[in-house]
N, C-alpha and C. Protein backbone atom coordinates (compact mmCIF):
# COMPACT_ATOMS: atom_id res chain seq x y z
N UNK A 1 6.62 50.03 34.69
CA UNK A 1 7.14 48.73 35.03
C UNK A 1 6.31 47.62 34.37
N UNK A 2 5.01 47.83 34.28
CA UNK A 2 4.13 46.85 33.67
C UNK A 2 4.44 46.71 32.19
N UNK A 3 4.79 47.78 31.52
CA UNK A 3 5.11 47.75 30.10
C UNK A 3 6.39 46.97 29.85
N UNK A 4 7.37 47.08 30.70
CA UNK A 4 8.62 46.35 30.55
C UNK A 4 8.40 44.85 30.80
N UNK A 5 7.58 44.49 31.78
CA UNK A 5 7.27 43.08 32.06
C UNK A 5 6.54 42.42 30.89
N UNK A 6 5.59 43.13 30.31
CA UNK A 6 4.86 42.62 29.16
C UNK A 6 5.80 42.43 27.96
N UNK A 7 6.70 43.39 27.76
CA UNK A 7 7.67 43.30 26.67
C UNK A 7 8.58 42.08 26.85
N UNK A 8 9.04 41.81 28.05
CA UNK A 8 9.91 40.67 28.33
C UNK A 8 9.18 39.35 28.08
N UNK A 9 7.92 39.26 28.52
CA UNK A 9 7.13 38.04 28.33
C UNK A 9 6.91 37.78 26.83
N UNK A 10 6.53 38.81 26.06
CA UNK A 10 6.29 38.63 24.64
C UNK A 10 7.58 38.29 23.88
N UNK A 11 8.70 38.87 24.30
CA UNK A 11 9.99 38.55 23.68
C UNK A 11 10.36 37.10 23.96
N UNK A 12 10.13 36.66 25.17
CA UNK A 12 10.42 35.27 25.54
C UNK A 12 9.54 34.31 24.74
N UNK A 13 8.24 34.58 24.63
CA UNK A 13 7.32 33.72 23.85
C UNK A 13 7.71 33.68 22.38
N UNK A 14 8.08 34.83 21.82
CA UNK A 14 8.49 34.87 20.42
C UNK A 14 9.79 34.08 20.21
N UNK A 15 10.72 34.17 21.13
CA UNK A 15 11.96 33.41 21.04
C UNK A 15 11.72 31.92 21.08
N UNK A 16 10.83 31.48 21.98
CA UNK A 16 10.49 30.04 22.07
C UNK A 16 9.79 29.60 20.78
N UNK A 17 8.87 30.40 20.25
CA UNK A 17 8.13 30.04 19.04
C UNK A 17 9.05 29.92 17.83
N UNK A 18 10.15 30.67 17.81
CA UNK A 18 11.07 30.60 16.68
C UNK A 18 12.11 29.49 16.82
N UNK A 19 12.43 29.09 18.05
CA UNK A 19 13.48 28.11 18.27
C UNK A 19 12.93 26.68 18.29
N UNK A 20 11.77 26.44 18.87
CA UNK A 20 11.24 25.09 19.03
C UNK A 20 11.02 24.37 17.69
N UNK A 21 10.44 25.00 16.66
CA UNK A 21 10.24 24.26 15.40
C UNK A 21 11.53 23.79 14.74
N UNK A 22 12.67 24.42 15.02
CA UNK A 22 13.91 23.97 14.40
C UNK A 22 14.38 22.64 14.99
N UNK A 23 13.86 22.25 16.15
CA UNK A 23 14.24 20.99 16.76
C UNK A 23 13.42 19.82 16.21
N UNK A 24 12.34 20.12 15.49
CA UNK A 24 11.49 19.07 14.93
C UNK A 24 12.03 18.61 13.58
N UNK A 25 11.80 17.35 13.22
CA UNK A 25 12.20 16.90 11.87
C UNK A 25 11.29 17.53 10.82
N UNK A 26 11.74 17.58 9.60
CA UNK A 26 10.92 18.13 8.52
C UNK A 26 9.66 17.29 8.38
N UNK A 27 8.52 17.91 8.35
CA UNK A 27 7.26 17.20 8.25
C UNK A 27 6.67 16.86 9.60
N UNK A 28 7.29 17.26 10.68
CA UNK A 28 6.74 17.01 12.01
C UNK A 28 6.87 15.56 12.41
N UNK A 29 5.85 15.04 13.04
CA UNK A 29 5.89 13.68 13.60
C UNK A 29 5.24 12.68 12.65
N UNK A 30 5.72 12.59 11.43
CA UNK A 30 5.18 11.63 10.48
C UNK A 30 5.85 10.28 10.65
N UNK A 31 5.12 9.21 10.29
CA UNK A 31 5.69 7.87 10.32
C UNK A 31 6.63 7.70 9.14
N UNK A 32 7.61 6.86 9.28
CA UNK A 32 8.53 6.61 8.18
C UNK A 32 7.87 5.71 7.13
N UNK A 33 8.45 5.64 5.94
CA UNK A 33 7.91 4.82 4.87
C UNK A 33 7.96 3.34 5.20
N UNK A 34 8.92 2.92 5.98
CA UNK A 34 9.05 1.51 6.33
C UNK A 34 7.88 1.08 7.20
N UNK A 35 7.50 1.88 8.17
CA UNK A 35 6.36 1.54 9.01
C UNK A 35 5.07 1.58 8.21
N UNK A 36 4.97 2.49 7.26
CA UNK A 36 3.75 2.62 6.46
C UNK A 36 3.55 1.43 5.53
N UNK A 37 4.62 0.83 5.02
CA UNK A 37 4.50 -0.28 4.08
C UNK A 37 4.12 -1.59 4.75
N UNK A 38 4.14 -1.66 6.09
CA UNK A 38 3.80 -2.92 6.76
C UNK A 38 2.41 -3.41 6.39
N UNK A 39 1.42 -2.51 6.36
CA UNK A 39 0.04 -2.89 6.11
C UNK A 39 -0.40 -2.55 4.69
N UNK A 40 0.52 -2.33 3.81
CA UNK A 40 0.20 -1.97 2.45
C UNK A 40 -0.16 -3.23 1.66
N UNK A 41 -1.36 -3.22 1.03
CA UNK A 41 -1.81 -4.40 0.29
C UNK A 41 -1.04 -4.61 -1.01
N UNK A 42 -0.39 -3.58 -1.50
CA UNK A 42 0.25 -3.72 -2.80
C UNK A 42 1.64 -4.33 -2.73
N UNK A 43 2.15 -4.63 -1.56
CA UNK A 43 3.46 -5.28 -1.49
C UNK A 43 3.31 -6.71 -1.98
N UNK A 44 4.25 -7.22 -2.76
CA UNK A 44 4.08 -8.53 -3.40
C UNK A 44 4.10 -9.68 -2.40
N UNK A 45 3.31 -10.69 -2.73
CA UNK A 45 3.32 -11.95 -1.99
C UNK A 45 3.73 -13.05 -2.97
N UNK A 46 4.09 -14.19 -2.45
CA UNK A 46 4.53 -15.31 -3.30
C UNK A 46 3.42 -16.36 -3.34
N UNK A 47 3.07 -16.80 -4.53
CA UNK A 47 2.06 -17.85 -4.69
C UNK A 47 2.61 -19.17 -4.17
N UNK A 48 1.86 -19.81 -3.27
CA UNK A 48 2.30 -21.07 -2.68
C UNK A 48 1.91 -22.28 -3.52
N UNK A 49 0.88 -22.14 -4.36
CA UNK A 49 0.49 -23.23 -5.25
C UNK A 49 0.00 -22.65 -6.57
N UNK A 50 -0.12 -23.48 -7.57
CA UNK A 50 -0.57 -23.03 -8.88
C UNK A 50 -2.04 -22.65 -8.84
N UNK A 51 -2.41 -21.63 -9.63
CA UNK A 51 -3.80 -21.23 -9.76
C UNK A 51 -4.03 -20.59 -11.12
N UNK A 52 -5.30 -20.51 -11.50
CA UNK A 52 -5.67 -19.88 -12.77
C UNK A 52 -5.99 -18.42 -12.54
N UNK A 53 -5.50 -17.55 -13.42
CA UNK A 53 -5.82 -16.14 -13.40
C UNK A 53 -7.02 -15.95 -14.33
N UNK A 54 -8.15 -15.51 -13.77
CA UNK A 54 -9.41 -15.43 -14.52
C UNK A 54 -9.67 -14.00 -15.00
N UNK A 55 -10.46 -13.88 -16.06
CA UNK A 55 -10.75 -12.57 -16.65
C UNK A 55 -11.84 -11.81 -15.90
N UNK A 56 -12.68 -12.51 -15.13
CA UNK A 56 -13.74 -11.83 -14.37
C UNK A 56 -14.02 -12.61 -13.09
N UNK A 57 -14.94 -12.10 -12.29
CA UNK A 57 -15.25 -12.73 -11.00
C UNK A 57 -16.33 -13.79 -11.15
N UNK A 58 -16.11 -14.71 -12.04
CA UNK A 58 -17.01 -15.82 -12.26
C UNK A 58 -16.17 -17.07 -12.43
N UNK A 59 -16.60 -18.17 -11.82
CA UNK A 59 -15.82 -19.40 -11.90
C UNK A 59 -15.78 -19.99 -13.30
N UNK A 60 -16.72 -19.60 -14.16
CA UNK A 60 -16.71 -20.12 -15.54
C UNK A 60 -16.21 -19.08 -16.53
N UNK A 61 -15.46 -18.07 -16.07
CA UNK A 61 -14.89 -17.07 -16.98
C UNK A 61 -13.63 -17.63 -17.63
N UNK A 62 -13.16 -16.93 -18.64
CA UNK A 62 -12.00 -17.44 -19.39
C UNK A 62 -10.71 -17.30 -18.57
N UNK A 63 -9.81 -18.25 -18.79
CA UNK A 63 -8.53 -18.29 -18.08
C UNK A 63 -7.52 -17.48 -18.87
N UNK A 64 -6.93 -16.47 -18.20
CA UNK A 64 -5.92 -15.64 -18.85
C UNK A 64 -4.57 -16.35 -18.90
N UNK A 65 -4.17 -16.92 -17.78
CA UNK A 65 -2.91 -17.65 -17.70
C UNK A 65 -2.91 -18.54 -16.48
N UNK A 66 -2.00 -19.48 -16.47
CA UNK A 66 -1.81 -20.37 -15.31
C UNK A 66 -0.61 -19.85 -14.55
N UNK A 67 -0.80 -19.49 -13.27
CA UNK A 67 0.27 -18.94 -12.45
C UNK A 67 0.92 -20.08 -11.68
N UNK A 68 2.24 -20.18 -11.79
CA UNK A 68 2.98 -21.26 -11.14
C UNK A 68 3.33 -20.89 -9.70
N UNK A 69 3.58 -21.89 -8.88
CA UNK A 69 4.00 -21.66 -7.49
C UNK A 69 5.34 -20.94 -7.47
N UNK A 70 5.49 -20.00 -6.56
CA UNK A 70 6.72 -19.23 -6.45
C UNK A 70 6.71 -17.93 -7.21
N UNK A 71 5.61 -17.64 -7.92
CA UNK A 71 5.50 -16.40 -8.69
C UNK A 71 5.11 -15.25 -7.77
N UNK A 72 5.76 -14.08 -7.87
CA UNK A 72 5.32 -12.93 -7.07
C UNK A 72 4.00 -12.38 -7.58
N UNK A 73 3.10 -12.09 -6.65
CA UNK A 73 1.75 -11.62 -6.97
C UNK A 73 1.48 -10.33 -6.20
N UNK A 74 1.05 -9.29 -6.91
CA UNK A 74 0.65 -8.03 -6.27
C UNK A 74 -0.86 -8.00 -6.15
N UNK A 75 -1.38 -7.82 -4.94
CA UNK A 75 -2.82 -7.73 -4.72
C UNK A 75 -3.24 -6.28 -4.92
N UNK A 76 -4.21 -6.07 -5.79
CA UNK A 76 -4.70 -4.73 -6.08
C UNK A 76 -5.96 -4.44 -5.30
N UNK A 77 -6.88 -5.43 -5.25
CA UNK A 77 -8.19 -5.19 -4.63
C UNK A 77 -8.75 -6.50 -4.12
N UNK A 78 -9.44 -6.43 -2.98
CA UNK A 78 -10.18 -7.59 -2.45
C UNK A 78 -11.67 -7.29 -2.62
N UNK A 79 -12.44 -8.32 -3.00
CA UNK A 79 -13.86 -8.10 -3.27
C UNK A 79 -14.64 -9.35 -2.87
N UNK A 80 -15.87 -9.16 -2.40
CA UNK A 80 -16.76 -10.27 -2.05
C UNK A 80 -18.06 -10.10 -2.81
N UNK A 81 -18.49 -11.17 -3.52
CA UNK A 81 -19.71 -11.06 -4.31
C UNK A 81 -20.94 -11.44 -3.48
N UNK A 82 -22.09 -11.50 -4.12
CA UNK A 82 -23.36 -11.77 -3.42
C UNK A 82 -23.43 -13.19 -2.86
N UNK A 83 -22.68 -14.13 -3.44
CA UNK A 83 -22.67 -15.52 -2.98
C UNK A 83 -21.64 -15.76 -1.88
N UNK A 84 -21.10 -14.69 -1.31
CA UNK A 84 -20.09 -14.74 -0.23
C UNK A 84 -18.77 -15.36 -0.68
N UNK A 85 -18.51 -15.32 -1.99
CA UNK A 85 -17.21 -15.76 -2.49
C UNK A 85 -16.25 -14.59 -2.42
N UNK A 86 -15.02 -14.87 -2.00
CA UNK A 86 -14.02 -13.82 -1.90
C UNK A 86 -13.08 -13.89 -3.10
N UNK A 87 -12.86 -12.73 -3.71
CA UNK A 87 -12.04 -12.63 -4.91
C UNK A 87 -10.94 -11.60 -4.69
N UNK A 88 -9.81 -11.82 -5.35
CA UNK A 88 -8.71 -10.86 -5.34
C UNK A 88 -8.40 -10.45 -6.77
N UNK A 89 -8.28 -9.15 -6.99
CA UNK A 89 -7.77 -8.64 -8.26
C UNK A 89 -6.26 -8.55 -8.09
N UNK A 90 -5.52 -9.28 -8.90
CA UNK A 90 -4.07 -9.38 -8.72
C UNK A 90 -3.35 -8.98 -10.01
N UNK A 91 -2.09 -8.61 -9.84
CA UNK A 91 -1.19 -8.29 -10.93
C UNK A 91 -0.04 -9.29 -10.86
N UNK A 92 0.18 -10.05 -11.92
CA UNK A 92 1.15 -11.15 -11.92
C UNK A 92 2.18 -10.92 -13.02
N UNK A 93 3.44 -11.13 -12.68
CA UNK A 93 4.51 -11.05 -13.68
C UNK A 93 4.49 -12.33 -14.49
N UNK A 94 4.34 -12.20 -15.79
CA UNK A 94 4.20 -13.36 -16.67
C UNK A 94 5.28 -13.32 -17.76
N UNK A 95 5.66 -14.50 -18.25
CA UNK A 95 6.67 -14.59 -19.30
C UNK A 95 6.04 -15.23 -20.54
N UNK A 96 6.29 -14.59 -21.68
CA UNK A 96 5.80 -15.11 -22.94
C UNK A 96 6.85 -14.81 -24.01
N UNK A 97 7.39 -15.84 -24.64
CA UNK A 97 8.42 -15.70 -25.67
C UNK A 97 9.63 -14.92 -25.15
N UNK A 98 10.09 -15.30 -23.97
CA UNK A 98 11.25 -14.69 -23.32
C UNK A 98 11.07 -13.19 -23.05
N UNK A 99 9.83 -12.73 -22.98
CA UNK A 99 9.54 -11.34 -22.60
C UNK A 99 8.67 -11.36 -21.35
N UNK A 100 8.98 -10.47 -20.43
CA UNK A 100 8.22 -10.40 -19.19
C UNK A 100 7.23 -9.23 -19.27
N UNK A 101 6.02 -9.46 -18.79
CA UNK A 101 5.02 -8.41 -18.72
C UNK A 101 4.02 -8.76 -17.61
N UNK A 102 3.27 -7.77 -17.18
CA UNK A 102 2.29 -7.97 -16.11
C UNK A 102 0.92 -8.28 -16.69
N UNK A 103 0.24 -9.24 -16.06
CA UNK A 103 -1.15 -9.55 -16.40
C UNK A 103 -2.00 -9.31 -15.18
N UNK A 104 -3.14 -8.70 -15.38
CA UNK A 104 -4.06 -8.40 -14.29
C UNK A 104 -5.28 -9.31 -14.44
N UNK A 105 -5.73 -9.92 -13.34
CA UNK A 105 -6.88 -10.80 -13.39
C UNK A 105 -7.39 -11.13 -12.00
N UNK A 106 -8.41 -11.97 -11.95
CA UNK A 106 -9.11 -12.29 -10.70
C UNK A 106 -8.77 -13.70 -10.24
N UNK A 107 -8.74 -13.88 -8.91
CA UNK A 107 -8.48 -15.18 -8.30
C UNK A 107 -9.53 -15.40 -7.21
N UNK A 108 -10.17 -16.58 -7.23
CA UNK A 108 -11.14 -16.94 -6.20
C UNK A 108 -10.39 -17.55 -5.01
N UNK A 109 -10.54 -16.97 -3.81
CA UNK A 109 -9.83 -17.48 -2.65
C UNK A 109 -10.76 -18.13 -1.64
N UNK A 110 -12.05 -18.25 -1.95
CA UNK A 110 -12.97 -18.89 -0.99
C UNK A 110 -13.26 -20.32 -1.36
């Protein structure tokens, strides 16, 4: 009788173990892409005022381009130097001779 009871319990456990995973979505309990993009730094923001896109994290570095208000800007990296100045490495869509291309440079936000 003990052997039959053990067999029934193991059959029941095996049945539950095979049926329960089919009720889960593929990948288990992962967050959707929409929730993940909320805090993503690479989603574009819109420039509210004009600024200069600089070649390095120095206020006297060369100016790559002048970014106009309303331009979409992708933030790549945030950085703070020894003087407590905050800088952003950004990617900006730029137009030159009716051709669009991306320019990468630094912006001082402090």
